[in-house]
Amino acid sequence: MDQSVEYEILYIIRPDLADDAKKELVERFDSILTDNGSEIIESKDWAKRRFAYEINDYKEGIYHLIHLKATDSKGIDEFDRLSLINRDILRHMITKVED
């Protein structure tokens, strides 16, 4: 019996980050999840969008969406902790996908 739970993580990357640095950031945060036992179903750039209000002096950001399965919250917790202190990630939100 599979005890994994599905999650979605949406995070906003600052818009002035170079393409190489953005790719490296996405790979690093994807590997934080997979190294801690999560299985990534999909990890994709969603869109560059304008904000309703400024966040850290930015008027827009690059939204990135991850859909994953996790058997425990270790990877999710580590992602949450590290994204809070990473200057390239403006905001993030983690939600559990309900059936």
N, C-alpha and C. Protein backbone atom coordinates (compact mmCIF):
# COMPACT_ATOMS: atom_id res chain seq x y z
N MET A 1 0.83 -1.19 0.00
CA MET A 1 0.00 0.00 0.00
C MET A 1 0.88 1.26 0.00
N ASP A 2 0.61 2.14 -0.91
CA ASP A 2 1.40 3.36 -1.07
C ASP A 2 0.91 4.43 -0.08
N GLN A 3 1.80 4.88 0.79
CA GLN A 3 1.44 5.87 1.80
C GLN A 3 1.92 7.28 1.41
N SER A 4 2.23 7.48 0.14
CA SER A 4 2.72 8.80 -0.27
C SER A 4 1.57 9.79 -0.40
N VAL A 5 1.92 11.04 -0.18
CA VAL A 5 0.98 12.15 -0.24
C VAL A 5 1.43 13.06 -1.38
N GLU A 6 0.46 13.57 -2.15
CA GLU A 6 0.80 14.49 -3.24
C GLU A 6 0.81 15.92 -2.74
N TYR A 7 1.79 16.68 -3.21
CA TYR A 7 1.93 18.09 -2.88
C TYR A 7 2.15 18.90 -4.14
N GLU A 8 1.83 20.17 -4.05
CA GLU A 8 2.23 21.14 -5.07
C GLU A 8 3.00 22.24 -4.36
N ILE A 9 4.10 22.61 -4.96
CA ILE A 9 4.89 23.73 -4.45
C ILE A 9 4.94 24.76 -5.56
N LEU A 10 4.53 25.96 -5.24
CA LEU A 10 4.61 27.08 -6.17
C LEU A 10 5.58 28.08 -5.56
N TYR A 11 6.61 28.42 -6.33
CA TYR A 11 7.52 29.44 -5.81
C TYR A 11 7.81 30.48 -6.89
N ILE A 12 8.16 31.67 -6.41
CA ILE A 12 8.39 32.80 -7.31
C ILE A 12 9.86 33.16 -7.28
N ILE A 13 10.46 33.11 -8.46
CA ILE A 13 11.88 33.42 -8.63
C ILE A 13 12.01 34.87 -9.08
N ARG A 14 13.01 35.56 -8.55
CA ARG A 14 13.16 36.97 -8.94
C ARG A 14 13.41 37.07 -10.45
N PRO A 15 12.81 38.06 -11.11
CA PRO A 15 12.81 38.12 -12.57
C PRO A 15 14.16 38.49 -13.20
N ASP A 16 15.06 39.08 -12.45
CA ASP A 16 16.34 39.51 -13.03
C ASP A 16 17.44 38.46 -12.89
N LEU A 17 17.08 37.26 -12.48
CA LEU A 17 18.06 36.18 -12.36
C LEU A 17 18.41 35.67 -13.76
N ALA A 18 19.69 35.52 -14.03
CA ALA A 18 20.15 35.03 -15.34
C ALA A 18 19.61 33.62 -15.58
N ASP A 19 19.42 33.26 -16.85
CA ASP A 19 18.85 31.95 -17.20
C ASP A 19 19.63 30.78 -16.60
N ASP A 20 20.97 30.85 -16.67
CA ASP A 20 21.81 29.78 -16.12
C ASP A 20 21.61 29.66 -14.61
N ALA A 21 21.57 30.80 -13.94
CA ALA A 21 21.39 30.80 -12.49
C ALA A 21 20.00 30.29 -12.10
N LYS A 22 19.00 30.64 -12.92
CA LYS A 22 17.63 30.17 -12.66
C LYS A 22 17.56 28.65 -12.81
N LYS A 23 18.17 28.14 -13.88
CA LYS A 23 18.19 26.70 -14.12
C LYS A 23 18.89 25.97 -12.96
N GLU A 24 20.00 26.53 -12.50
CA GLU A 24 20.74 25.97 -11.38
C GLU A 24 19.90 25.98 -10.09
N LEU A 25 19.19 27.07 -9.86
CA LEU A 25 18.32 27.20 -8.69
C LEU A 25 17.22 26.13 -8.71
N VAL A 26 16.56 25.99 -9.85
CA VAL A 26 15.48 25.00 -9.99
C VAL A 26 16.03 23.59 -9.77
N GLU A 27 17.18 23.28 -10.37
CA GLU A 27 17.78 21.95 -10.20
C GLU A 27 18.15 21.70 -8.74
N ARG A 28 18.67 22.73 -8.08
CA ARG A 28 19.07 22.59 -6.67
C ARG A 28 17.85 22.30 -5.79
N PHE A 29 16.76 23.04 -6.00
CA PHE A 29 15.58 22.84 -5.17
C PHE A 29 14.84 21.55 -5.53
N ASP A 30 14.90 21.13 -6.80
CA ASP A 30 14.34 19.82 -7.17
C ASP A 30 15.12 18.71 -6.46
N SER A 31 16.46 18.85 -6.43
CA SER A 31 17.27 17.80 -5.81
C SER A 31 17.12 17.78 -4.29
N ILE A 32 16.81 18.91 -3.67
CA ILE A 32 16.53 18.92 -2.23
C ILE A 32 15.36 17.98 -1.95
N LEU A 33 14.36 18.03 -2.81
CA LEU A 33 13.19 17.17 -2.65
C LEU A 33 13.53 15.70 -2.91
N THR A 34 14.18 15.43 -4.04
CA THR A 34 14.47 14.03 -4.41
C THR A 34 15.50 13.40 -3.47
N ASP A 35 16.47 14.17 -3.00
CA ASP A 35 17.48 13.64 -2.07
C ASP A 35 16.86 13.26 -0.73
N ASN A 36 15.71 13.81 -0.42
CA ASN A 36 15.03 13.52 0.84
C ASN A 36 13.83 12.59 0.64
N GLY A 37 13.83 11.84 -0.46
CA GLY A 37 12.84 10.78 -0.65
C GLY A 37 11.56 11.15 -1.37
N SER A 38 11.46 12.38 -1.87
CA SER A 38 10.26 12.76 -2.62
C SER A 38 10.42 12.38 -4.08
N GLU A 39 9.30 12.13 -4.74
CA GLU A 39 9.30 11.80 -6.17
C GLU A 39 8.63 12.96 -6.91
N ILE A 40 9.40 13.62 -7.77
CA ILE A 40 8.86 14.75 -8.53
C ILE A 40 8.11 14.22 -9.74
N ILE A 41 6.84 14.59 -9.85
CA ILE A 41 6.01 14.20 -10.98
C ILE A 41 6.22 15.20 -12.11
N GLU A 42 6.29 16.48 -11.75
CA GLU A 42 6.47 17.54 -12.75
C GLU A 42 7.11 18.75 -12.07
N SER A 43 8.05 19.37 -12.79
CA SER A 43 8.68 20.61 -12.32
C SER A 43 8.80 21.51 -13.54
N LYS A 44 8.05 22.61 -13.53
CA LYS A 44 8.02 23.44 -14.74
C LYS A 44 7.84 24.92 -14.42
N ASP A 45 8.38 25.75 -15.31
CA ASP A 45 8.11 27.17 -15.23
C ASP A 45 6.66 27.37 -15.62
N TRP A 46 5.96 28.19 -14.88
CA TRP A 46 4.56 28.41 -15.15
C TRP A 46 4.40 29.67 -15.98
N ALA A 47 4.85 30.79 -15.47
CA ALA A 47 4.73 32.04 -16.21
C ALA A 47 5.49 33.14 -15.49
N LYS A 48 5.78 34.20 -16.24
CA LYS A 48 6.30 35.41 -15.63
C LYS A 48 5.08 36.31 -15.47
N ARG A 49 4.83 36.71 -14.24
CA ARG A 49 3.61 37.49 -13.97
C ARG A 49 3.91 38.75 -13.19
N ARG A 50 3.05 39.71 -13.42
CA ARG A 50 3.12 40.97 -12.69
C ARG A 50 2.42 40.78 -11.34
N PHE A 51 2.99 41.35 -10.28
CA PHE A 51 2.42 41.24 -8.94
C PHE A 51 1.35 42.29 -8.73
N ALA A 52 0.45 42.02 -7.80
CA ALA A 52 -0.55 43.00 -7.40
C ALA A 52 0.11 44.11 -6.56
N TYR A 53 1.21 43.74 -5.90
CA TYR A 53 1.98 44.71 -5.11
C TYR A 53 3.45 44.30 -5.18
N GLU A 54 4.34 45.23 -4.89
CA GLU A 54 5.77 44.93 -4.97
C GLU A 54 6.20 43.97 -3.88
N ILE A 55 7.09 43.07 -4.25
CA ILE A 55 7.70 42.15 -3.30
C ILE A 55 9.21 42.37 -3.39
N ASN A 56 9.81 42.82 -2.32
CA ASN A 56 11.26 43.10 -2.30
C ASN A 56 11.70 43.98 -3.47
N ASP A 57 10.93 45.01 -3.77
CA ASP A 57 11.19 45.97 -4.84
C ASP A 57 11.00 45.41 -6.25
N TYR A 58 10.42 44.22 -6.39
CA TYR A 58 10.14 43.65 -7.70
C TYR A 58 8.66 43.80 -8.01
N LYS A 59 8.37 44.10 -9.28
CA LYS A 59 6.99 44.26 -9.73
C LYS A 59 6.45 42.99 -10.40
N GLU A 60 7.37 42.05 -10.74
CA GLU A 60 6.98 40.79 -11.35
C GLU A 60 7.95 39.69 -10.93
N GLY A 61 7.56 38.45 -11.23
CA GLY A 61 8.41 37.32 -10.89
C GLY A 61 8.10 36.13 -11.78
N ILE A 62 9.01 35.15 -11.75
CA ILE A 62 8.85 33.93 -12.54
C ILE A 62 8.28 32.85 -11.62
N TYR A 63 7.09 32.40 -11.95
CA TYR A 63 6.43 31.38 -11.14
C TYR A 63 6.90 30.00 -11.59
N HIS A 64 7.26 29.17 -10.63
CA HIS A 64 7.69 27.80 -10.93
C HIS A 64 6.83 26.84 -10.11
N LEU A 65 6.34 25.80 -10.76
CA LEU A 65 5.42 24.86 -10.13
C LEU A 65 6.03 23.46 -10.08
N ILE A 66 5.94 22.84 -8.90
CA ILE A 66 6.41 21.46 -8.73
C ILE A 66 5.24 20.63 -8.22
N HIS A 67 5.01 19.51 -8.86
CA HIS A 67 4.00 18.55 -8.42
C HIS A 67 4.80 17.31 -7.99
N LEU A 68 4.58 16.84 -6.76
CA LEU A 68 5.40 15.75 -6.26
C LEU A 68 4.63 14.83 -5.33
N LYS A 69 5.25 13.67 -5.08
CA LYS A 69 4.74 12.72 -4.09
C LYS A 69 5.82 12.55 -3.03
N ALA A 70 5.37 12.48 -1.78
CA ALA A 70 6.32 12.29 -0.68
C ALA A 70 5.74 11.31 0.33
N THR A 71 6.59 10.44 0.86
CA THR A 71 6.14 9.49 1.88
C THR A 71 6.24 10.10 3.28
N ASP A 72 7.12 11.09 3.44
CA ASP A 72 7.18 11.84 4.69
C ASP A 72 7.48 13.30 4.36
N SER A 73 7.49 14.13 5.37
CA SER A 73 7.62 15.57 5.12
C SER A 73 9.07 16.07 5.17
N LYS A 74 10.03 15.18 5.22
CA LYS A 74 11.43 15.60 5.35
C LYS A 74 11.88 16.51 4.20
N GLY A 75 11.60 16.11 2.97
CA GLY A 75 11.99 16.91 1.81
C GLY A 75 11.23 18.23 1.74
N ILE A 76 9.94 18.17 2.07
CA ILE A 76 9.09 19.37 2.07
C ILE A 76 9.60 20.37 3.12
N ASP A 77 9.91 19.86 4.30
CA ASP A 77 10.41 20.72 5.39
C ASP A 77 11.73 21.38 5.02
N GLU A 78 12.61 20.60 4.39
CA GLU A 78 13.91 21.14 3.99
C GLU A 78 13.74 22.18 2.88
N PHE A 79 12.86 21.91 1.92
CA PHE A 79 12.57 22.87 0.86
C PHE A 79 12.05 24.18 1.47
N ASP A 80 11.12 24.06 2.40
CA ASP A 80 10.53 25.21 3.07
C ASP A 80 11.61 26.02 3.79
N ARG A 81 12.45 25.35 4.55
CA ARG A 81 13.50 26.02 5.32
C ARG A 81 14.48 26.77 4.41
N LEU A 82 14.94 26.09 3.37
CA LEU A 82 15.94 26.70 2.49
C LEU A 82 15.37 27.79 1.59
N SER A 83 14.11 27.65 1.18
CA SER A 83 13.54 28.69 0.33
C SER A 83 13.27 29.98 1.11
N LEU A 84 13.07 29.87 2.41
CA LEU A 84 12.88 31.06 3.24
C LEU A 84 14.15 31.91 3.33
N ILE A 85 15.32 31.27 3.23
CA ILE A 85 16.57 32.02 3.36
C ILE A 85 17.27 32.28 2.02
N ASN A 86 16.68 31.81 0.92
CA ASN A 86 17.28 32.02 -0.40
C ASN A 86 16.78 33.34 -0.99
N ARG A 87 17.70 34.22 -1.34
CA ARG A 87 17.34 35.55 -1.84
C ARG A 87 16.73 35.52 -3.25
N ASP A 88 16.96 34.45 -3.99
CA ASP A 88 16.43 34.36 -5.35
C ASP A 88 14.97 33.92 -5.37
N ILE A 89 14.48 33.37 -4.28
CA ILE A 89 13.07 32.97 -4.18
C ILE A 89 12.34 34.03 -3.37
N LEU A 90 11.40 34.71 -4.04
CA LEU A 90 10.69 35.82 -3.40
C LEU A 90 9.58 35.32 -2.47
N ARG A 91 8.85 34.31 -2.89
CA ARG A 91 7.76 33.73 -2.10
C ARG A 91 7.62 32.27 -2.49
N HIS A 92 7.04 31.48 -1.60
CA HIS A 92 6.72 30.09 -1.94
C HIS A 92 5.49 29.66 -1.16
N MET A 93 4.83 28.66 -1.71
CA MET A 93 3.63 28.12 -1.07
C MET A 93 3.60 26.61 -1.31
N ILE A 94 3.37 25.86 -0.23
CA ILE A 94 3.32 24.41 -0.31
C ILE A 94 1.90 23.98 0.04
N THR A 95 1.28 23.22 -0.84
CA THR A 95 -0.08 22.74 -0.57
C THR A 95 -0.17 21.23 -0.77
N LYS A 96 -0.99 20.61 0.05
CA LYS A 96 -1.25 19.19 -0.08
C LYS A 96 -2.39 19.02 -1.07
N VAL A 97 -2.23 18.12 -2.03
CA VAL A 97 -3.26 17.87 -3.03
C VAL A 97 -4.25 16.86 -2.47
N GLU A 98 -5.49 17.28 -2.35
CA GLU A 98 -6.54 16.39 -1.83
C GLU A 98 -7.22 15.69 -2.99
N ASP A 99 -7.64 14.45 -2.77
CA ASP A 99 -8.33 13.69 -3.82
C ASP A 99 -9.71 14.24 -4.07
